[in-house]
């Protein structure tokens, strides 16, 4: 199990937080997503045998989130 911390500028309001959680959780291998609403810090626990940090970053960038 691996953990990644990502800062997403837009992840400070309810709509974007829900969308970020949805996008990341749809990836197979993601175990948990925690978002700090104050500063947009996103912690993701995932199985690195199934999904990579690059896969997570890619889906966020593809949906126009600034990492």
PDB file of N, CA and C in Angstrom:
ATOM      1  N   UNK A   1       0.853  -1.178   0.000  1.00  0.00           N
ATOM      2  CA  UNK A   1       0.000   0.000   0.000  1.00  0.00           C
ATOM      3  C   UNK A   1       0.895   1.236   0.000  1.00  0.00           C
ATOM      4  N   UNK A   2       0.546   2.185  -0.853  1.00  0.00           N
ATOM      5  CA  UNK A   2       1.287   3.438  -0.944  1.00  0.00           C
ATOM      6  C   UNK A   2       0.383   4.604  -0.590  1.00  0.00           C
ATOM      7  N   UNK A   3       1.018   5.723  -0.302  1.00  0.00           N
ATOM      8  CA  UNK A   3       0.276   6.941  -0.013  1.00  0.00           C
ATOM      9  C   UNK A   3       0.907   8.086  -0.787  1.00  0.00           C
ATOM     10  N   UNK A   4       0.055   8.952  -1.339  1.00  0.00           N
ATOM     11  CA  UNK A   4       0.527  10.131  -2.062  1.00  0.00           C
ATOM     12  C   UNK A   4      -0.192  11.350  -1.529  1.00  0.00           C
ATOM     13  N   UNK A   5       0.528  12.451  -1.438  1.00  0.00           N
ATOM     14  CA  UNK A   5      -0.072  13.724  -1.057  1.00  0.00           C
ATOM     15  C   UNK A   5       0.017  14.657  -2.255  1.00  0.00           C
ATOM     16  N   UNK A   6      -1.138  15.200  -2.611  1.00  0.00           N
ATOM     17  CA  UNK A   6      -1.248  16.074  -3.779  1.00  0.00           C
ATOM     18  C   UNK A   6      -1.951  17.343  -3.327  1.00  0.00           C
ATOM     19  N   UNK A   7      -1.504  18.480  -3.806  1.00  0.00           N
ATOM     20  CA  UNK A   7      -2.198  19.735  -3.514  1.00  0.00           C
ATOM     21  C   UNK A   7      -2.943  20.177  -4.768  1.00  0.00           C
ATOM     22  N   UNK A   8      -4.252  20.358  -4.613  1.00  0.00           N
ATOM     23  CA  UNK A   8      -5.095  20.780  -5.729  1.00  0.00           C
ATOM     24  C   UNK A   8      -5.720  22.109  -5.360  1.00  0.00           C
ATOM     25  N   UNK A   9      -5.347  23.124  -6.107  1.00  0.00           N
ATOM     26  CA  UNK A   9      -5.777  24.492  -5.829  1.00  0.00           C
ATOM     27  C   UNK A   9      -7.293  24.612  -5.695  1.00  0.00           C
ATOM     28  N   UNK A  10      -8.037  23.935  -6.573  1.00  0.00           N
ATOM     29  CA  UNK A  10      -9.494  24.078  -6.603  1.00  0.00           C
ATOM     30  C   UNK A  10     -10.233  23.242  -5.556  1.00  0.00           C
ATOM     31  N   UNK A  11      -9.556  22.373  -4.852  1.00  0.00           N
ATOM     32  CA  UNK A  11     -10.232  21.445  -3.927  1.00  0.00           C
ATOM     33  C   UNK A  11     -10.506  22.089  -2.567  1.00  0.00           C
ATOM     34  N   UNK A  12     -11.145  23.234  -2.595  1.00  0.00           N
ATOM     35  CA  UNK A  12     -11.466  23.918  -1.337  1.00  0.00           C
ATOM     36  C   UNK A  12     -12.952  24.246  -1.232  1.00  0.00           C
ATOM     37  N   UNK A  13     -13.740  23.870  -2.236  1.00  0.00           N
ATOM     38  CA  UNK A  13     -15.190  24.070  -2.136  1.00  0.00           C
ATOM     39  C   UNK A  13     -15.876  22.717  -2.314  1.00  0.00           C
ATOM     40  N   UNK A  14     -17.102  22.630  -1.853  1.00  0.00           N
ATOM     41  CA  UNK A  14     -17.797  21.345  -1.787  1.00  0.00           C
ATOM     42  C   UNK A  14     -17.924  20.657  -3.153  1.00  0.00           C
ATOM     43  N   UNK A  15     -18.274  21.409  -4.183  1.00  0.00           N
ATOM     44  CA  UNK A  15     -18.466  20.819  -5.518  1.00  0.00           C
ATOM     45  C   UNK A  15     -17.175  20.181  -6.034  1.00  0.00           C
ATOM     46  N   UNK A  16     -16.080  20.929  -5.967  1.00  0.00           N
ATOM     47  CA  UNK A  16     -14.810  20.398  -6.466  1.00  0.00           C
ATOM     48  C   UNK A  16     -14.284  19.262  -5.599  1.00  0.00           C
ATOM     49  N   UNK A  17     -14.484  19.344  -4.303  1.00  0.00           N
ATOM     50  CA  UNK A  17     -14.044  18.269  -3.411  1.00  0.00           C
ATOM     51  C   UNK A  17     -14.754  16.967  -3.784  1.00  0.00           C
ATOM     52  N   UNK A  18     -16.067  17.040  -3.990  1.00  0.00           N
ATOM     53  CA  UNK A  18     -16.826  15.847  -4.360  1.00  0.00           C
ATOM     54  C   UNK A  18     -16.365  15.295  -5.704  1.00  0.00           C
ATOM     55  N   UNK A  19     -16.081  16.175  -6.654  1.00  0.00           N
ATOM     56  CA  UNK A  19     -15.638  15.710  -7.965  1.00  0.00           C
ATOM     57  C   UNK A  19     -14.251  15.071  -7.894  1.00  0.00           C
ATOM     58  N   UNK A  20     -13.346  15.674  -7.141  1.00  0.00           N
ATOM     59  CA  UNK A  20     -12.005  15.106  -6.988  1.00  0.00           C
ATOM     60  C   UNK A  20     -12.096  13.726  -6.334  1.00  0.00           C
ATOM     61  N   UNK A  21     -12.893  13.608  -5.272  1.00  0.00           N
ATOM     62  CA  UNK A  21     -13.071  12.315  -4.615  1.00  0.00           C
ATOM     63  C   UNK A  21     -13.622  11.287  -5.595  1.00  0.00           C
ATOM     64  N   UNK A  22     -14.631  11.671  -6.362  1.00  0.00           N
ATOM     65  CA  UNK A  22     -15.230  10.759  -7.335  1.00  0.00           C
ATOM     66  C   UNK A  22     -14.204  10.307  -8.372  1.00  0.00           C
ATOM     67  N   UNK A  23     -13.473  11.261  -8.945  1.00  0.00           N
ATOM     68  CA  UNK A  23     -12.503  10.937  -9.991  1.00  0.00           C
ATOM     69  C   UNK A  23     -11.441   9.960  -9.493  1.00  0.00           C
ATOM     70  N   UNK A  24     -10.911  10.239  -8.317  1.00  0.00           N
ATOM     71  CA  UNK A  24      -9.840   9.384  -7.791  1.00  0.00           C
ATOM     72  C   UNK A  24     -10.397   8.026  -7.375  1.00  0.00           C
ATOM     73  N   UNK A  25     -11.555   8.010  -6.720  1.00  0.00           N
ATOM     74  CA  UNK A  25     -12.128   6.751  -6.249  1.00  0.00           C
ATOM     75  C   UNK A  25     -12.548   5.819  -7.379  1.00  0.00           C
ATOM     76  N   UNK A  26     -12.760   6.345  -8.584  1.00  0.00           N
ATOM     77  CA  UNK A  26     -13.156   5.465  -9.679  1.00  0.00           C
ATOM     78  C   UNK A  26     -11.982   4.642 -10.210  1.00  0.00           C
ATOM     79  N   UNK A  27     -10.772   5.002  -9.831  1.00  0.00           N
ATOM     80  CA  UNK A  27      -9.598   4.247 -10.258  1.00  0.00           C
ATOM     81  C   UNK A  27      -9.481   2.965  -9.433  1.00  0.00           C
ATOM     82  N   UNK A  28      -9.319   1.859 -10.127  1.00  0.00           N
ATOM     83  CA  UNK A  28      -9.140   0.585  -9.435  1.00  0.00           C
ATOM     84  C   UNK A  28      -7.823   0.618  -8.666  1.00  0.00           C
ATOM     85  N   UNK A  29      -7.849   0.163  -7.427  1.00  0.00           N
ATOM     86  CA  UNK A  29      -6.658   0.140  -6.590  1.00  0.00           C
ATOM     87  C   UNK A  29      -6.610   1.258  -5.566  1.00  0.00           C
ATOM     88  N   UNK A  30      -7.487   2.253  -5.692  1.00  0.00           N
ATOM     89  CA  UNK A  30      -7.532   3.340  -4.720  1.00  0.00           C
ATOM     90  C   UNK A  30      -8.313   2.865  -3.503  1.00  0.00           C
ATOM     91  N   UNK A  31      -7.703   2.991  -2.328  1.00  0.00           N
ATOM     92  CA  UNK A  31      -8.321   2.540  -1.091  1.00  0.00           C
ATOM     93  C   UNK A  31      -9.047   3.659  -0.353  1.00  0.00           C
ATOM     94  N   UNK A  32      -8.410   4.848  -0.300  1.00  0.00           N
ATOM     95  CA  UNK A  32      -8.996   5.944   0.485  1.00  0.00           C
ATOM     96  C   UNK A  32      -8.507   7.280  -0.044  1.00  0.00           C
ATOM     97  N   UNK A  33      -9.422   8.275   0.022  1.00  0.00           N
ATOM     98  CA  UNK A  33      -9.100   9.644  -0.383  1.00  0.00           C
ATOM     99  C   UNK A  33      -9.526  10.572   0.746  1.00  0.00           C
ATOM    100  N   UNK A  34      -8.599  11.378   1.242  1.00  0.00           N
ATOM    101  CA  UNK A  34      -8.893  12.362   2.292  1.00  0.00           C
ATOM    102  C   UNK A  34      -8.501  13.739   1.764  1.00  0.00           C
ATOM    103  N   UNK A  35      -9.407  14.706   1.924  1.00  0.00           N
ATOM    104  CA  UNK A  35      -9.141  16.054   1.416  1.00  0.00           C
ATOM    105  C   UNK A  35      -9.261  17.069   2.537  1.00  0.00           C
ATOM    106  N   UNK A  36      -8.232  17.890   2.695  1.00  0.00           N
ATOM    107  CA  UNK A  36      -8.248  19.010   3.646  1.00  0.00           C
ATOM    108  C   UNK A  36      -8.859  20.205   2.922  1.00  0.00           C
ATOM    109  N   UNK A  37     -10.031  20.611   3.354  1.00  0.00           N
ATOM    110  CA  UNK A  37     -10.772  21.662   2.664  1.00  0.00           C
ATOM    111  C   UNK A  37     -10.148  23.041   2.807  1.00  0.00           C
ATOM    112  N   UNK A  38      -9.244  23.205   3.741  1.00  0.00           N
ATOM    113  CA  UNK A  38      -8.631  24.514   3.954  1.00  0.00           C
ATOM    114  C   UNK A  38      -7.596  24.832   2.878  1.00  0.00           C
ATOM    115  N   UNK A  39      -6.731  23.866   2.591  1.00  0.00           N
ATOM    116  CA  UNK A  39      -5.632  24.148   1.657  1.00  0.00           C
ATOM    117  C   UNK A  39      -5.606  23.261   0.408  1.00  0.00           C
ATOM    118  N   UNK A  40      -6.614  22.398   0.236  1.00  0.00           N
ATOM    119  CA  UNK A  40      -6.666  21.558  -0.954  1.00  0.00           C
ATOM    120  C   UNK A  40      -5.703  20.387  -0.935  1.00  0.00           C
ATOM    121  N   UNK A  41      -5.228  20.011   0.249  1.00  0.00           N
ATOM    122  CA  UNK A  41      -4.321  18.870   0.361  1.00  0.00           C
ATOM    123  C   UNK A  41      -5.132  17.586   0.218  1.00  0.00           C
ATOM    124  N   UNK A  42      -4.704  16.735  -0.692  1.00  0.00           N
ATOM    125  CA  UNK A  42      -5.390  15.474  -0.958  1.00  0.00           C
ATOM    126  C   UNK A  42      -4.427  14.334  -0.632  1.00  0.00           C
ATOM    127  N   UNK A  43      -4.848  13.451   0.272  1.00  0.00           N
ATOM    128  CA  UNK A  43      -4.048  12.269   0.586  1.00  0.00           C
ATOM    129  C   UNK A  43      -4.769  11.063   0.012  1.00  0.00           C
ATOM    130  N   UNK A  44      -4.024  10.274  -0.743  1.00  0.00           N
ATOM    131  CA  UNK A  44      -4.598   9.114  -1.406  1.00  0.00           C
ATOM    132  C   UNK A  44      -3.825   7.874  -0.980  1.00  0.00           C
ATOM    133  N   UNK A  45      -4.552   6.870  -0.490  1.00  0.00           N
ATOM    134  CA  UNK A  45      -3.957   5.566  -0.201  1.00  0.00           C
ATOM    135  C   UNK A  45      -4.349   4.642  -1.339  1.00  0.00           C
ATOM    136  N   UNK A  46      -3.357   3.952  -1.914  1.00  0.00           N
ATOM    137  CA  UNK A  46      -3.634   3.124  -3.083  1.00  0.00           C
ATOM    138  C   UNK A  46      -2.687   1.937  -3.148  1.00  0.00           C
ATOM    139  N   UNK A  47      -3.113   0.931  -3.877  1.00  0.00           N
ATOM    140  CA  UNK A  47      -2.312  -0.261  -4.126  1.00  0.00           C
ATOM    141  C   UNK A  47      -1.439   0.028  -5.340  1.00  0.00           C
ATOM    142  N   UNK A  48      -0.150   0.196  -5.115  1.00  0.00           N
ATOM    143  CA  UNK A  48       0.750   0.569  -6.211  1.00  0.00           C
ATOM    144  C   UNK A  48       1.016  -0.575  -7.194  1.00  0.00           C
ATOM    145  N   UNK A  49       0.478  -1.754  -6.915  1.00  0.00           N
ATOM    146  CA  UNK A  49       0.545  -2.855  -7.877  1.00  0.00           C
ATOM    147  C   UNK A  49      -0.568  -2.734  -8.916  1.00  0.00           C
ATOM    148  N   UNK A  50      -1.587  -1.915  -8.598  1.00  0.00           N
ATOM    149  CA  UNK A  50      -2.755  -1.783  -9.473  1.00  0.00           C
ATOM    150  C   UNK A  50      -2.813  -0.417 -10.145  1.00  0.00           C
ATOM    151  N   UNK A  51      -2.477   0.635  -9.409  1.00  0.00           N
ATOM    152  CA  UNK A  51      -2.567   2.000  -9.918  1.00  0.00           C
ATOM    153  C   UNK A  51      -1.327   2.777  -9.449  1.00  0.00           C
ATOM    154  N   UNK A  52      -0.879   3.712 -10.255  1.00  0.00           N
ATOM    155  CA  UNK A  52       0.306   4.493  -9.889  1.00  0.00           C
ATOM    156  C   UNK A  52      -0.089   5.931  -9.545  1.00  0.00           C
ATOM    157  N   UNK A  53       0.829   6.624  -8.904  1.00  0.00           N
ATOM    158  CA  UNK A  53       0.599   8.033  -8.607  1.00  0.00           C
ATOM    159  C   UNK A  53       0.423   8.808  -9.918  1.00  0.00           C
ATOM    160  N   UNK A  54       1.154   8.421 -10.933  1.00  0.00           N
ATOM    161  CA  UNK A  54       1.042   9.078 -12.238  1.00  0.00           C
ATOM    162  C   UNK A  54      -0.361   8.912 -12.827  1.00  0.00           C
ATOM    163  N   UNK A  55      -0.979   7.739 -12.610  1.00  0.00           N
ATOM    164  CA  UNK A  55      -2.355   7.514 -13.076  1.00  0.00           C
ATOM    165  C   UNK A  55      -3.317   8.473 -12.373  1.00  0.00           C
ATOM    166  N   UNK A  56      -3.107   8.665 -11.081  1.00  0.00           N
ATOM    167  CA  UNK A  56      -3.957   9.553 -10.286  1.00  0.00           C
ATOM    168  C   UNK A  56      -3.790  10.993 -10.764  1.00  0.00           C
ATOM    169  N   UNK A  57      -2.549  11.417 -10.931  1.00  0.00           N
ATOM    170  CA  UNK A  57      -2.287  12.775 -11.414  1.00  0.00           C
ATOM    171  C   UNK A  57      -2.863  12.981 -12.804  1.00  0.00           C
ATOM    172  N   UNK A  58      -2.754  11.978 -13.645  1.00  0.00           N
ATOM    173  CA  UNK A  58      -3.236  12.075 -15.013  1.00  0.00           C
ATOM    174  C   UNK A  58      -4.746  12.300 -15.071  1.00  0.00           C
ATOM    175  N   UNK A  59      -5.515  11.561 -14.288  1.00  0.00           N
ATOM    176  CA  UNK A  59      -6.973  11.732 -14.322  1.00  0.00           C
ATOM    177  C   UNK A  59      -7.368  13.119 -13.815  1.00  0.00           C
ATOM    178  N   UNK A  60      -6.624  13.638 -12.847  1.00  0.00           N
ATOM    179  CA  UNK A  60      -6.915  14.983 -12.343  1.00  0.00           C
ATOM    180  C   UNK A  60      -6.583  16.041 -13.394  1.00  0.00           C
ATOM    181  N   UNK A  61      -5.429  15.908 -14.022  1.00  0.00           N
ATOM    182  CA  UNK A  61      -5.034  16.862 -15.067  1.00  0.00           C
ATOM    183  C   UNK A  61      -5.974  16.799 -16.257  1.00  0.00           C
ATOM    184  N   UNK A  62      -6.419  15.578 -16.620  1.00  0.00           N
ATOM    185  CA  UNK A  62      -7.354  15.416 -17.739  1.00  0.00           C
ATOM    186  C   UNK A  62      -8.681  16.118 -17.456  1.00  0.00           C
ATOM    187  N   UNK A  63      -8.999  16.331 -16.177  1.00  0.00           N
ATOM    188  CA  UNK A  63     -10.232  17.007 -15.795  1.00  0.00           C
ATOM    189  C   UNK A  63      -9.969  18.442 -15.363  1.00  0.00           C
ATOM    190  N   UNK A  64      -8.831  18.974 -15.790  1.00  0.00           N
ATOM    191  CA  UNK A  64      -8.487  20.398 -15.647  1.00  0.00           C
ATOM    192  C   UNK A  64      -8.259  20.870 -14.210  1.00  0.00           C
ATOM    193  N   UNK A  65      -7.763  19.968 -13.362  1.00  0.00           N
ATOM    194  CA  UNK A  65      -7.387  20.402 -12.008  1.00  0.00           C
ATOM    195  C   UNK A  65      -5.908  20.745 -12.005  1.00  0.00           C
ATOM    196  N   UNK A  66      -5.567  21.823 -11.311  1.00  0.00           N
ATOM    197  CA  UNK A  66      -4.178  22.269 -11.223  1.00  0.00           C
ATOM    198  C   UNK A  66      -3.513  21.585 -10.044  1.00  0.00           C
ATOM    199  N   UNK A  67      -2.466  20.853 -10.337  1.00  0.00           N
ATOM    200  CA  UNK A  67      -1.733  20.111  -9.315  1.00  0.00           C
ATOM    201  C   UNK A  67      -0.577  20.964  -8.840  1.00  0.00           C
TER     202      UNK A  67
END
